[in-house]
C-alpha cells in the first residue's frame, strides 16, 4: 500500500516537472481531472485561454461495491461493482442574460 502511494506521488511529481520544463503559455487555464473508482480510471486535461471561462463538472451519482460471503464456505465470495452514469462535462460558462 505504501509503495503504491509512493509510486503515485513520484508519477505526479514527474508530471509536474515535465510541465515546468515544457512551460505553458501565459494567460491560460489548465483543467485536470483524474478519477479512479474500483479499477476504472478516467483522465481529462484541457488547456484553454483565460479569457474564455469554462466549467469542469464531475458527477458520480452512484458507486457501490458489494461483497457477499457464501453461507457454506467462508473462502468463496461473490463480488459486484455498480457504477451508474458517471459524467464528466467540460463546457463554456455563459453570463446570465438580463430580461
C-alpha atoms as a PDB file:
ATOM      1  CA  UNK A   1       0.000   0.000   0.000  1.00  0.00           C
ATOM      2  CA  UNK A   2       2.782   2.425   0.911  1.00  0.00           C
ATOM      3  CA  UNK A   3       4.770   1.527  -2.205  1.00  0.00           C
ATOM      4  CA  UNK A   4       1.703   2.208  -4.330  1.00  0.00           C
ATOM      5  CA  UNK A   5       1.290   5.676  -2.765  1.00  0.00           C
ATOM      6  CA  UNK A   6       4.968   6.428  -3.285  1.00  0.00           C
ATOM      7  CA  UNK A   7       4.621   5.345  -6.914  1.00  0.00           C
ATOM      8  CA  UNK A   8       1.606   7.675  -7.396  1.00  0.00           C
ATOM      9  CA  UNK A   9       3.483  10.540  -5.761  1.00  0.00           C
ATOM     10  CA  UNK A  10       6.568  10.050  -7.941  1.00  0.00           C
ATOM     11  CA  UNK A  11       4.383   9.866 -11.059  1.00  0.00           C
ATOM     12  CA  UNK A  12       2.631  13.106 -10.032  1.00  0.00           C
ATOM     13  CA  UNK A  13       5.970  14.804  -9.315  1.00  0.00           C
ATOM     14  CA  UNK A  14       7.379  13.713 -12.693  1.00  0.00           C
ATOM     15  CA  UNK A  15       4.327  15.164 -14.465  1.00  0.00           C
ATOM     16  CA  UNK A  16       4.757  18.487 -12.631  1.00  0.00           C
ATOM     17  CA  UNK A  17       8.452  18.666 -13.533  1.00  0.00           C
ATOM     18  CA  UNK A  18       7.708  17.905 -17.191  1.00  0.00           C
ATOM     19  CA  UNK A  19       5.089  20.672 -17.256  1.00  0.00           C
ATOM     20  CA  UNK A  20       7.597  23.135 -15.795  1.00  0.00           C
ATOM     21  CA  UNK A  21      10.218  22.079 -18.328  1.00  0.00           C
ATOM     22  CA  UNK A  22       7.821  22.474 -21.267  1.00  0.00           C
ATOM     23  CA  UNK A  23       6.461  25.736 -19.986  1.00  0.00           C
ATOM     24  CA  UNK A  24       2.925  26.840 -20.583  1.00  0.00           C
ATOM     25  CA  UNK A  25       1.894  29.969 -22.422  1.00  0.00           C
ATOM     26  CA  UNK A  26       0.821  32.784 -20.121  1.00  0.00           C
ATOM     27  CA  UNK A  27      -2.835  33.618 -19.539  1.00  0.00           C
ATOM     28  CA  UNK A  28      -4.059  30.058 -19.911  1.00  0.00           C
ATOM     29  CA  UNK A  29      -6.114  27.832 -17.653  1.00  0.00           C
ATOM     30  CA  UNK A  30      -5.391  24.144 -17.148  1.00  0.00           C
ATOM     31  CA  UNK A  31      -8.327  21.974 -16.058  1.00  0.00           C
ATOM     32  CA  UNK A  32      -7.425  18.444 -14.993  1.00  0.00           C
ATOM     33  CA  UNK A  33      -9.479  15.540 -13.657  1.00  0.00           C
ATOM     34  CA  UNK A  34      -8.101  12.164 -12.610  1.00  0.00           C
ATOM     35  CA  UNK A  35     -10.839   9.853 -11.395  1.00  0.00           C
ATOM     36  CA  UNK A  36     -10.212   6.316 -10.177  1.00  0.00           C
ATOM     37  CA  UNK A  37     -13.098   4.209  -8.862  1.00  0.00           C
ATOM     38  CA  UNK A  38     -12.914   0.424  -8.413  1.00  0.00           C
ATOM     39  CA  UNK A  39     -10.307  -0.016 -11.148  1.00  0.00           C
ATOM     40  CA  UNK A  40     -11.957   2.354 -13.630  1.00  0.00           C
ATOM     41  CA  UNK A  41      -9.579   5.205 -14.485  1.00  0.00           C
ATOM     42  CA  UNK A  42     -10.644   8.366 -16.304  1.00  0.00           C
ATOM     43  CA  UNK A  43      -8.283  11.259 -17.028  1.00  0.00           C
ATOM     44  CA  UNK A  44      -9.058  14.567 -18.724  1.00  0.00           C
ATOM     45  CA  UNK A  45      -6.800  17.599 -19.156  1.00  0.00           C
ATOM     46  CA  UNK A  46      -7.665  20.726 -21.141  1.00  0.00           C
ATOM     47  CA  UNK A  47      -5.702  23.920 -21.581  1.00  0.00           C
ATOM     48  CA  UNK A  48      -7.665  26.974 -22.700  1.00  0.00           C
ATOM     49  CA  UNK A  49      -7.136  30.734 -22.922  1.00  0.00           C
ATOM     50  CA  UNK A  50      -8.001  32.588 -19.712  1.00  0.00           C
ATOM     51  CA  UNK A  51     -10.402  34.945 -21.483  1.00  0.00           C
ATOM     52  CA  UNK A  52     -12.909  32.137 -22.209  1.00  0.00           C
ATOM     53  CA  UNK A  53     -14.288  30.886 -18.866  1.00  0.00           C
ATOM     54  CA  UNK A  54     -15.178  27.203 -18.698  1.00  0.00           C
ATOM     55  CA  UNK A  55     -16.667  24.907 -16.104  1.00  0.00           C
ATOM     56  CA  UNK A  56     -15.425  21.420 -15.351  1.00  0.00           C
ATOM     57  CA  UNK A  57     -18.010  19.212 -13.655  1.00  0.00           C
ATOM     58  CA  UNK A  58     -17.666  15.643 -12.365  1.00  0.00           C
ATOM     59  CA  UNK A  59     -20.795  13.780 -11.250  1.00  0.00           C
ATOM     60  CA  UNK A  60     -20.728  10.285  -9.751  1.00  0.00           C
ATOM     61  CA  UNK A  61     -24.304   9.634  -8.586  1.00  0.00           C
ATOM     62  CA  UNK A  62     -23.770   6.009  -7.580  1.00  0.00           C
ATOM     63  CA  UNK A  63     -20.668   3.927  -6.965  1.00  0.00           C
ATOM     64  CA  UNK A  64     -21.241   0.765  -4.980  1.00  0.00           C
ATOM     65  CA  UNK A  65     -19.183  -2.305  -4.088  1.00  0.00           C
ATOM     66  CA  UNK A  66     -20.910  -5.418  -2.768  1.00  0.00           C
ATOM     67  CA  UNK A  67     -19.036  -8.390  -1.366  1.00  0.00           C
ATOM     68  CA  UNK A  68     -21.082 -11.392  -0.236  1.00  0.00           C
ATOM     69  CA  UNK A  69     -19.717 -14.445   1.528  1.00  0.00           C
ATOM     70  CA  UNK A  70     -21.110 -17.873   0.773  1.00  0.00           C
ATOM     71  CA  UNK A  71     -23.065 -19.458   3.635  1.00  0.00           C
ATOM     72  CA  UNK A  72     -21.272 -22.831   3.411  1.00  0.00           C
ATOM     73  CA  UNK A  73     -17.696 -21.747   2.787  1.00  0.00           C
ATOM     74  CA  UNK A  74     -16.179 -18.516   4.081  1.00  0.00           C
ATOM     75  CA  UNK A  75     -13.460 -18.579   1.424  1.00  0.00           C
ATOM     76  CA  UNK A  76     -15.857 -18.232  -1.508  1.00  0.00           C
ATOM     77  CA  UNK A  77     -17.029 -14.690  -2.139  1.00  0.00           C
ATOM     78  CA  UNK A  78     -19.299 -13.060  -4.652  1.00  0.00           C
ATOM     79  CA  UNK A  79     -18.167  -9.521  -5.561  1.00  0.00           C
ATOM     80  CA  UNK A  80     -20.176  -6.997  -7.530  1.00  0.00           C
ATOM     81  CA  UNK A  81     -19.290  -3.433  -8.609  1.00  0.00           C
ATOM     82  CA  UNK A  82     -22.029  -0.988  -9.626  1.00  0.00           C
ATOM     83  CA  UNK A  83     -21.116   2.261 -11.380  1.00  0.00           C
ATOM     84  CA  UNK A  84     -24.050   4.273 -12.638  1.00  0.00           C
ATOM     85  CA  UNK A  85     -23.965   7.225 -15.046  1.00  0.00           C
ATOM     86  CA  UNK A  86     -20.538   8.743 -14.388  1.00  0.00           C
ATOM     87  CA  UNK A  87     -20.497  12.129 -16.107  1.00  0.00           C
ATOM     88  CA  UNK A  88     -17.602  14.492 -16.788  1.00  0.00           C
ATOM     89  CA  UNK A  89     -18.557  17.711 -18.557  1.00  0.00           C
ATOM     90  CA  UNK A  90     -16.279  20.498 -19.735  1.00  0.00           C
ATOM     91  CA  UNK A  91     -18.399  23.343 -21.049  1.00  0.00           C
ATOM     92  CA  UNK A  92     -18.251  27.105 -21.579  1.00  0.00           C
ATOM     93  CA  UNK A  93     -19.704  29.264 -18.843  1.00  0.00           C
ATOM     94  CA  UNK A  94     -22.128  31.877 -20.095  1.00  0.00           C
ATOM     95  CA  UNK A  95     -23.084  35.031 -18.275  1.00  0.00           C
ATOM     96  CA  UNK A  96     -26.784  35.220 -17.383  1.00  0.00           C
ATOM     97  CA  UNK A  97     -28.874  37.373 -19.687  1.00  0.00           C
ATOM     98  CA  UNK A  98     -30.809  40.282 -18.223  1.00  0.00           C
ATOM     99  CA  UNK A  99     -34.535  40.208 -19.066  1.00  0.00           C
END
